[in-house]
Every structure is written in structure tokens, then in C-alpha cells.
Amino acid sequence: MKETQQILTEIATVTREIEDNYPELMKYLNETRSTLPEGSNASATLNKEDLENYLNQLKELVSKYKKEH
């Protein structure tokens, strides 16, 4: 299983790829964040599973876009 820091690094990398190469997908990032907990910073908690789910959604978004375009 990946370490939390590695997952966060991958999320940043995929997000940067979207920003640089597929800016038209930026509008979907807010929808994708549904995997992350809601609430104030004080009450929100994240675990590795939440982060991995978010990373997988980002990767799937890019993959589907590449296949369609």
C-alpha cells in the first residue's frame, strides 16, 4: 500500500497535468472532490483510502478524456 505522502504527490502530479495539458477538465475537479470529506478543516479527516479514491478518480478522468479526444 502506498504511503500518504506518495499519494499526495501523485494527486499533485495528476492535477498539474490536467492544468497544463487539459485545462478544459478543470471544471470537473470540484465534482471529483466528492471523495474528500466535507466540513471545516477542524472537523474534516482524511485517510489513505479517501486519498487513493480521489487519485483514482483523477486518473480515470484523464484516461477517459484521452480516449475520447
PDB file of N, CA and C in Angstrom:
ATOM      1  N   MET A   1       0.842  -1.179   0.000  1.00  0.00           N
ATOM      2  CA  MET A   1       0.000   0.000   0.000  1.00  0.00           C
ATOM      3  C   MET A   1       0.888   1.244   0.000  1.00  0.00           C
ATOM      4  N   LYS A   2       0.457   2.244  -0.695  1.00  0.00           N
ATOM      5  CA  LYS A   2       1.230   3.476  -0.818  1.00  0.00           C
ATOM      6  C   LYS A   2       1.168   4.275   0.476  1.00  0.00           C
ATOM      7  N   GLU A   3       2.224   5.023   0.713  1.00  0.00           N
ATOM      8  CA  GLU A   3       2.255   5.931   1.849  1.00  0.00           C
ATOM      9  C   GLU A   3       1.463   7.190   1.505  1.00  0.00           C
ATOM     10  N   THR A   4       0.947   7.846   2.507  1.00  0.00           N
ATOM     11  CA  THR A   4       0.126   9.038   2.313  1.00  0.00           C
ATOM     12  C   THR A   4       0.859  10.106   1.511  1.00  0.00           C
ATOM     13  N   GLN A   5       2.121  10.357   1.829  1.00  0.00           N
ATOM     14  CA  GLN A   5       2.881  11.390   1.122  1.00  0.00           C
ATOM     15  C   GLN A   5       3.007  11.059  -0.359  1.00  0.00           C
ATOM     16  N   GLN A   6       3.201   9.794  -0.685  1.00  0.00           N
ATOM     17  CA  GLN A   6       3.317   9.374  -2.083  1.00  0.00           C
ATOM     18  C   GLN A   6       1.999   9.610  -2.818  1.00  0.00           C
ATOM     19  N   ILE A   7       0.891   9.318  -2.166  1.00  0.00           N
ATOM     20  CA  ILE A   7      -0.425   9.529  -2.771  1.00  0.00           C
ATOM     21  C   ILE A   7      -0.650  11.018  -3.016  1.00  0.00           C
ATOM     22  N   LEU A   8      -0.309  11.844  -2.038  1.00  0.00           N
ATOM     23  CA  LEU A   8      -0.471  13.297  -2.199  1.00  0.00           C
ATOM     24  C   LEU A   8       0.394  13.830  -3.333  1.00  0.00           C
ATOM     25  N   THR A   9       1.594  13.291  -3.470  1.00  0.00           N
ATOM     26  CA  THR A   9       2.479  13.692  -4.563  1.00  0.00           C
ATOM     27  C   THR A   9       1.869  13.318  -5.905  1.00  0.00           C
ATOM     28  N   GLU A  10       1.292  12.132  -5.994  1.00  0.00           N
ATOM     29  CA  GLU A  10       0.657  11.707  -7.243  1.00  0.00           C
ATOM     30  C   GLU A  10      -0.563  12.563  -7.562  1.00  0.00           C
ATOM     31  N   ILE A  11      -1.342  12.912  -6.544  1.00  0.00           N
ATOM     32  CA  ILE A  11      -2.501  13.790  -6.757  1.00  0.00           C
ATOM     33  C   ILE A  11      -2.034  15.126  -7.319  1.00  0.00           C
ATOM     34  N   ALA A  12      -0.979  15.674  -6.756  1.00  0.00           N
ATOM     35  CA  ALA A  12      -0.444  16.954  -7.246  1.00  0.00           C
ATOM     36  C   ALA A  12       0.044  16.820  -8.678  1.00  0.00           C
ATOM     37  N   THR A  13       0.680  15.713  -9.005  1.00  0.00           N
ATOM     38  CA  THR A  13       1.200  15.499 -10.355  1.00  0.00           C
ATOM     39  C   THR A  13       0.070  15.402 -11.370  1.00  0.00           C
ATOM     40  N   VAL A  14      -0.960  14.632 -11.059  1.00  0.00           N
ATOM     41  CA  VAL A  14      -2.082  14.478 -11.988  1.00  0.00           C
ATOM     42  C   VAL A  14      -2.843  15.798 -12.127  1.00  0.00           C
ATOM     43  N   THR A  15      -3.012  16.504 -11.018  1.00  0.00           N
ATOM     44  CA  THR A  15      -3.696  17.802 -11.073  1.00  0.00           C
ATOM     45  C   THR A  15      -2.904  18.783 -11.935  1.00  0.00           C
ATOM     46  N   ARG A  16      -1.587  18.779 -11.787  1.00  0.00           N
ATOM     47  CA  ARG A  16      -0.731  19.655 -12.608  1.00  0.00           C
ATOM     48  C   ARG A  16      -0.842  19.265 -14.082  1.00  0.00           C
ATOM     49  N   GLU A  17      -0.893  17.967 -14.365  1.00  0.00           N
ATOM     50  CA  GLU A  17      -1.052  17.505 -15.753  1.00  0.00           C
ATOM     51  C   GLU A  17      -2.371  18.021 -16.341  1.00  0.00           C
ATOM     52  N   ILE A  18      -3.423  17.967 -15.549  1.00  0.00           N
ATOM     53  CA  ILE A  18      -4.721  18.474 -16.002  1.00  0.00           C
ATOM     54  C   ILE A  18      -4.632  19.976 -16.267  1.00  0.00           C
ATOM     55  N   GLU A  19      -4.044  20.709 -15.342  1.00  0.00           N
ATOM     56  CA  GLU A  19      -3.911  22.165 -15.503  1.00  0.00           C
ATOM     57  C   GLU A  19      -3.106  22.523 -16.742  1.00  0.00           C
ATOM     58  N   ASP A  20      -2.004  21.804 -16.971  1.00  0.00           N
ATOM     59  CA  ASP A  20      -1.102  22.126 -18.077  1.00  0.00           C
ATOM     60  C   ASP A  20      -1.580  21.616 -19.432  1.00  0.00           C
ATOM     61  N   ASN A  21      -2.127  20.423 -19.470  1.00  0.00           N
ATOM     62  CA  ASN A  21      -2.435  19.775 -20.747  1.00  0.00           C
ATOM     63  C   ASN A  21      -3.915  19.672 -21.081  1.00  0.00           C
ATOM     64  N   TYR A  22      -4.758  19.719 -20.080  1.00  0.00           N
ATOM     65  CA  TYR A  22      -6.197  19.545 -20.310  1.00  0.00           C
ATOM     66  C   TYR A  22      -6.990  20.557 -19.482  1.00  0.00           C
ATOM     67  N   PRO A  23      -6.755  21.849 -19.672  1.00  0.00           N
ATOM     68  CA  PRO A  23      -7.429  22.853 -18.835  1.00  0.00           C
ATOM     69  C   PRO A  23      -8.945  22.788 -18.927  1.00  0.00           C
ATOM     70  N   GLU A  24      -9.450  22.233 -20.006  1.00  0.00           N
ATOM     71  CA  GLU A  24     -10.899  22.109 -20.146  1.00  0.00           C
ATOM     72  C   GLU A  24     -11.492  21.135 -19.121  1.00  0.00           C
ATOM     73  N   LEU A  25     -10.662  20.328 -18.491  1.00  0.00           N
ATOM     74  CA  LEU A  25     -11.136  19.395 -17.468  1.00  0.00           C
ATOM     75  C   LEU A  25     -11.181  20.024 -16.072  1.00  0.00           C
ATOM     76  N   MET A  26     -10.621  21.201 -15.921  1.00  0.00           N
ATOM     77  CA  MET A  26     -10.578  21.848 -14.616  1.00  0.00           C
ATOM     78  C   MET A  26     -11.968  22.007 -14.005  1.00  0.00           C
ATOM     79  N   LYS A  27     -12.964  22.211 -14.846  1.00  0.00           N
ATOM     80  CA  LYS A  27     -14.322  22.402 -14.323  1.00  0.00           C
ATOM     81  C   LYS A  27     -14.846  21.158 -13.627  1.00  0.00           C
ATOM     82  N   TYR A  28     -14.256  19.996 -13.902  1.00  0.00           N
ATOM     83  CA  TYR A  28     -14.708  18.754 -13.288  1.00  0.00           C
ATOM     84  C   TYR A  28     -14.014  18.453 -11.969  1.00  0.00           C
ATOM     85  N   LEU A  29     -12.981  19.190 -11.636  1.00  0.00           N
ATOM     86  CA  LEU A  29     -12.251  18.901 -10.406  1.00  0.00           C
ATOM     87  C   LEU A  29     -13.095  19.122  -9.158  1.00  0.00           C
ATOM     88  N   ASN A  30     -13.950  20.112  -9.148  1.00  0.00           N
ATOM     89  CA  ASN A  30     -14.827  20.312  -7.993  1.00  0.00           C
ATOM     90  C   ASN A  30     -15.765  19.133  -7.809  1.00  0.00           C
ATOM     91  N   GLU A  31     -16.262  18.582  -8.905  1.00  0.00           N
ATOM     92  CA  GLU A  31     -17.135  17.419  -8.816  1.00  0.00           C
ATOM     93  C   GLU A  31     -16.355  16.203  -8.324  1.00  0.00           C
ATOM     94  N   THR A  32     -15.128  16.076  -8.751  1.00  0.00           N
ATOM     95  CA  THR A  32     -14.296  14.948  -8.371  1.00  0.00           C
ATOM     96  C   THR A  32     -13.990  14.966  -6.879  1.00  0.00           C
ATOM     97  N   ARG A  33     -13.923  16.110  -6.290  1.00  0.00           N
ATOM     98  CA  ARG A  33     -13.585  16.214  -4.872  1.00  0.00           C
ATOM     99  C   ARG A  33     -14.662  15.625  -3.971  1.00  0.00           C
ATOM    100  N   SER A  34     -15.700  15.037  -4.543  1.00  0.00           N
ATOM    101  CA  SER A  34     -16.740  14.410  -3.738  1.00  0.00           C
ATOM    102  C   SER A  34     -16.191  13.275  -2.889  1.00  0.00           C
ATOM    103  N   THR A  35     -15.020  12.775  -3.240  1.00  0.00           N
ATOM    104  CA  THR A  35     -14.423  11.702  -2.443  1.00  0.00           C
ATOM    105  C   THR A  35     -13.778  12.227  -1.171  1.00  0.00           C
ATOM    106  N   LEU A  36     -13.548  13.530  -1.090  1.00  0.00           N
ATOM    107  CA  LEU A  36     -12.913  14.092   0.083  1.00  0.00           C
ATOM    108  C   LEU A  36     -13.970  14.522   1.088  1.00  0.00           C
ATOM    109  N   PRO A  37     -13.642  14.486   2.367  1.00  0.00           N
ATOM    110  CA  PRO A  37     -14.639  14.828   3.386  1.00  0.00           C
ATOM    111  C   PRO A  37     -15.011  16.298   3.351  1.00  0.00           C
ATOM    112  N   GLU A  38     -16.240  16.567   3.749  1.00  0.00           N
ATOM    113  CA  GLU A  38     -16.716  17.940   3.819  1.00  0.00           C
ATOM    114  C   GLU A  38     -16.590  18.438   5.247  1.00  0.00           C
ATOM    115  N   GLY A  39     -16.710  19.717   5.404  1.00  0.00           N
ATOM    116  CA  GLY A  39     -16.660  20.293   6.735  1.00  0.00           C
ATOM    117  C   GLY A  39     -15.476  21.215   6.891  1.00  0.00           C
ATOM    118  N   SER A  40     -15.401  21.814   8.051  1.00  0.00           N
ATOM    119  CA  SER A  40     -14.290  22.725   8.310  1.00  0.00           C
ATOM    120  C   SER A  40     -13.007  21.923   8.475  1.00  0.00           C
ATOM    121  N   ASN A  41     -11.894  22.590   8.347  1.00  0.00           N
ATOM    122  CA  ASN A  41     -10.609  21.927   8.500  1.00  0.00           C
ATOM    123  C   ASN A  41     -10.482  21.259   9.864  1.00  0.00           C
ATOM    124  N   ALA A  42     -11.106  21.823  10.871  1.00  0.00           N
ATOM    125  CA  ALA A  42     -11.004  21.275  12.220  1.00  0.00           C
ATOM    126  C   ALA A  42     -11.732  19.939  12.349  1.00  0.00           C
ATOM    127  N   SER A  43     -12.832  19.778  11.615  1.00  0.00           N
ATOM    128  CA  SER A  43     -13.626  18.554  11.766  1.00  0.00           C
ATOM    129  C   SER A  43     -13.391  17.539  10.650  1.00  0.00           C
ATOM    130  N   ALA A  44     -12.752  17.939   9.562  1.00  0.00           N
ATOM    131  CA  ALA A  44     -12.541  17.039   8.429  1.00  0.00           C
ATOM    132  C   ALA A  44     -11.357  16.111   8.701  1.00  0.00           C
ATOM    133  N   THR A  45     -11.531  14.876   8.313  1.00  0.00           N
ATOM    134  CA  THR A  45     -10.433  13.921   8.432  1.00  0.00           C
ATOM    135  C   THR A  45     -10.284  13.185   7.114  1.00  0.00           C
ATOM    136  N   LEU A  46      -9.064  12.840   6.786  1.00  0.00           N
ATOM    137  CA  LEU A  46      -8.762  12.094   5.574  1.00  0.00           C
ATOM    138  C   LEU A  46      -7.995  10.842   5.955  1.00  0.00           C
ATOM    139  N   ASN A  47      -8.261   9.790   5.235  1.00  0.00           N
ATOM    140  CA  ASN A  47      -7.436   8.615   5.412  1.00  0.00           C
ATOM    141  C   ASN A  47      -6.868   8.220   4.061  1.00  0.00           C
ATOM    142  N   LYS A  48      -5.992   7.259   4.055  1.00  0.00           N
ATOM    143  CA  LYS A  48      -5.336   6.864   2.804  1.00  0.00           C
ATOM    144  C   LYS A  48      -6.347   6.383   1.771  1.00  0.00           C
ATOM    145  N   GLU A  49      -7.374   5.708   2.217  1.00  0.00           N
ATOM    146  CA  GLU A  49      -8.390   5.207   1.275  1.00  0.00           C
ATOM    147  C   GLU A  49      -9.083   6.362   0.564  1.00  0.00           C
ATOM    148  N   ASP A  50      -9.422   7.421   1.286  1.00  0.00           N
ATOM    149  CA  ASP A  50     -10.048   8.603   0.674  1.00  0.00           C
ATOM    150  C   ASP A  50      -9.124   9.215  -0.376  1.00  0.00           C
ATOM    151  N   LEU A  51      -7.855   9.343  -0.019  1.00  0.00           N
ATOM    152  CA  LEU A  51      -6.887   9.929  -0.950  1.00  0.00           C
ATOM    153  C   LEU A  51      -6.687   9.048  -2.177  1.00  0.00           C
ATOM    154  N   GLU A  52      -6.617   7.748  -1.980  1.00  0.00           N
ATOM    155  CA  GLU A  52      -6.457   6.835  -3.113  1.00  0.00           C
ATOM    156  C   GLU A  52      -7.674   6.881  -4.029  1.00  0.00           C
ATOM    157  N   ASN A  53      -8.860   6.976  -3.451  1.00  0.00           N
ATOM    158  CA  ASN A  53     -10.073   7.095  -4.265  1.00  0.00           C
ATOM    159  C   ASN A  53     -10.041   8.365  -5.104  1.00  0.00           C
ATOM    160  N   TYR A  54      -9.631   9.458  -4.494  1.00  0.00           N
ATOM    161  CA  TYR A  54      -9.548  10.732  -5.214  1.00  0.00           C
ATOM    162  C   TYR A  54      -8.513  10.649  -6.333  1.00  0.00           C
ATOM    163  N   LEU A  55      -7.366  10.076  -6.045  1.00  0.00           N
ATOM    164  CA  LEU A  55      -6.326   9.901  -7.058  1.00  0.00           C
ATOM    165  C   LEU A  55      -6.839   9.055  -8.213  1.00  0.00           C
ATOM    166  N   ASN A  56      -7.522   7.970  -7.904  1.00  0.00           N
ATOM    167  CA  ASN A  56      -8.057   7.103  -8.960  1.00  0.00           C
ATOM    168  C   ASN A  56      -9.093   7.823  -9.816  1.00  0.00           C
ATOM    169  N   GLN A  57      -9.912   8.656  -9.190  1.00  0.00           N
ATOM    170  CA  GLN A  57     -10.890   9.426  -9.967  1.00  0.00           C
ATOM    171  C   GLN A  57     -10.194  10.408 -10.896  1.00  0.00           C
ATOM    172  N   LEU A  58      -9.154  11.050 -10.415  1.00  0.00           N
ATOM    173  CA  LEU A  58      -8.411  11.980 -11.270  1.00  0.00           C
ATOM    174  C   LEU A  58      -7.792  11.250 -12.457  1.00  0.00           C
ATOM    175  N   LYS A  59      -7.164  10.122 -12.185  1.00  0.00           N
ATOM    176  CA  LYS A  59      -6.534   9.342 -13.258  1.00  0.00           C
ATOM    177  C   LYS A  59      -7.566   8.858 -14.262  1.00  0.00           C
ATOM    178  N   GLU A  60      -8.714   8.440 -13.781  1.00  0.00           N
ATOM    179  CA  GLU A  60      -9.776   7.978 -14.672  1.00  0.00           C
ATOM    180  C   GLU A  60     -10.306   9.117 -15.538  1.00  0.00           C
ATOM    181  N   LEU A  61     -10.426  10.294 -14.964  1.00  0.00           N
ATOM    182  CA  LEU A  61     -10.878  11.467 -15.709  1.00  0.00           C
ATOM    183  C   LEU A  61      -9.937  11.749 -16.876  1.00  0.00           C
ATOM    184  N   VAL A  62      -8.639  11.736 -16.620  1.00  0.00           N
ATOM    185  CA  VAL A  62      -7.651  11.986 -17.670  1.00  0.00           C
ATOM    186  C   VAL A  62      -7.666  10.863 -18.699  1.00  0.00           C
ATOM    187  N   SER A  63      -7.738   9.639 -18.244  1.00  0.00           N
ATOM    188  CA  SER A  63      -7.732   8.485 -19.144  1.00  0.00           C
ATOM    189  C   SER A  63      -8.928   8.508 -20.098  1.00  0.00           C
ATOM    190  N   LYS A  64     -10.108   8.750 -19.557  1.00  0.00           N
ATOM    191  CA  LYS A  64     -11.313   8.818 -20.405  1.00  0.00           C
ATOM    192  C   LYS A  64     -11.204   9.954 -21.412  1.00  0.00           C
ATOM    193  N   TYR A  65     -10.682  11.091 -20.965  1.00  0.00           N
ATOM    194  CA  TYR A  65     -10.560  12.235 -21.857  1.00  0.00           C
ATOM    195  C   TYR A  65      -9.597  11.915 -23.000  1.00  0.00           C
ATOM    196  N   LYS A  66      -8.477  11.288 -22.690  1.00  0.00           N
ATOM    197  CA  LYS A  66      -7.502  10.936 -23.725  1.00  0.00           C
ATOM    198  C   LYS A  66      -8.103   9.977 -24.758  1.00  0.00           C
ATOM    199  N   LYS A  67      -8.912   9.035 -24.307  1.00  0.00           N
ATOM    200  CA  LYS A  67      -9.536   8.065 -25.228  1.00  0.00           C
ATOM    201  C   LYS A  67     -10.546   8.737 -26.140  1.00  0.00           C
ATOM    202  N   GLU A  68     -11.267   9.714 -25.608  1.00  0.00           N
ATOM    203  CA  GLU A  68     -12.324  10.374 -26.370  1.00  0.00           C
ATOM    204  C   GLU A  68     -11.795  11.461 -27.302  1.00  0.00           C
ATOM    205  N   HIS A  69     -10.612  11.971 -27.025  1.00  0.00           N
ATOM    206  CA  HIS A  69     -10.093  13.089 -27.831  1.00  0.00           C
ATOM    207  C   HIS A  69      -8.796  12.697 -28.430  1.00  0.00           C
TER     208      HIS A  69
END
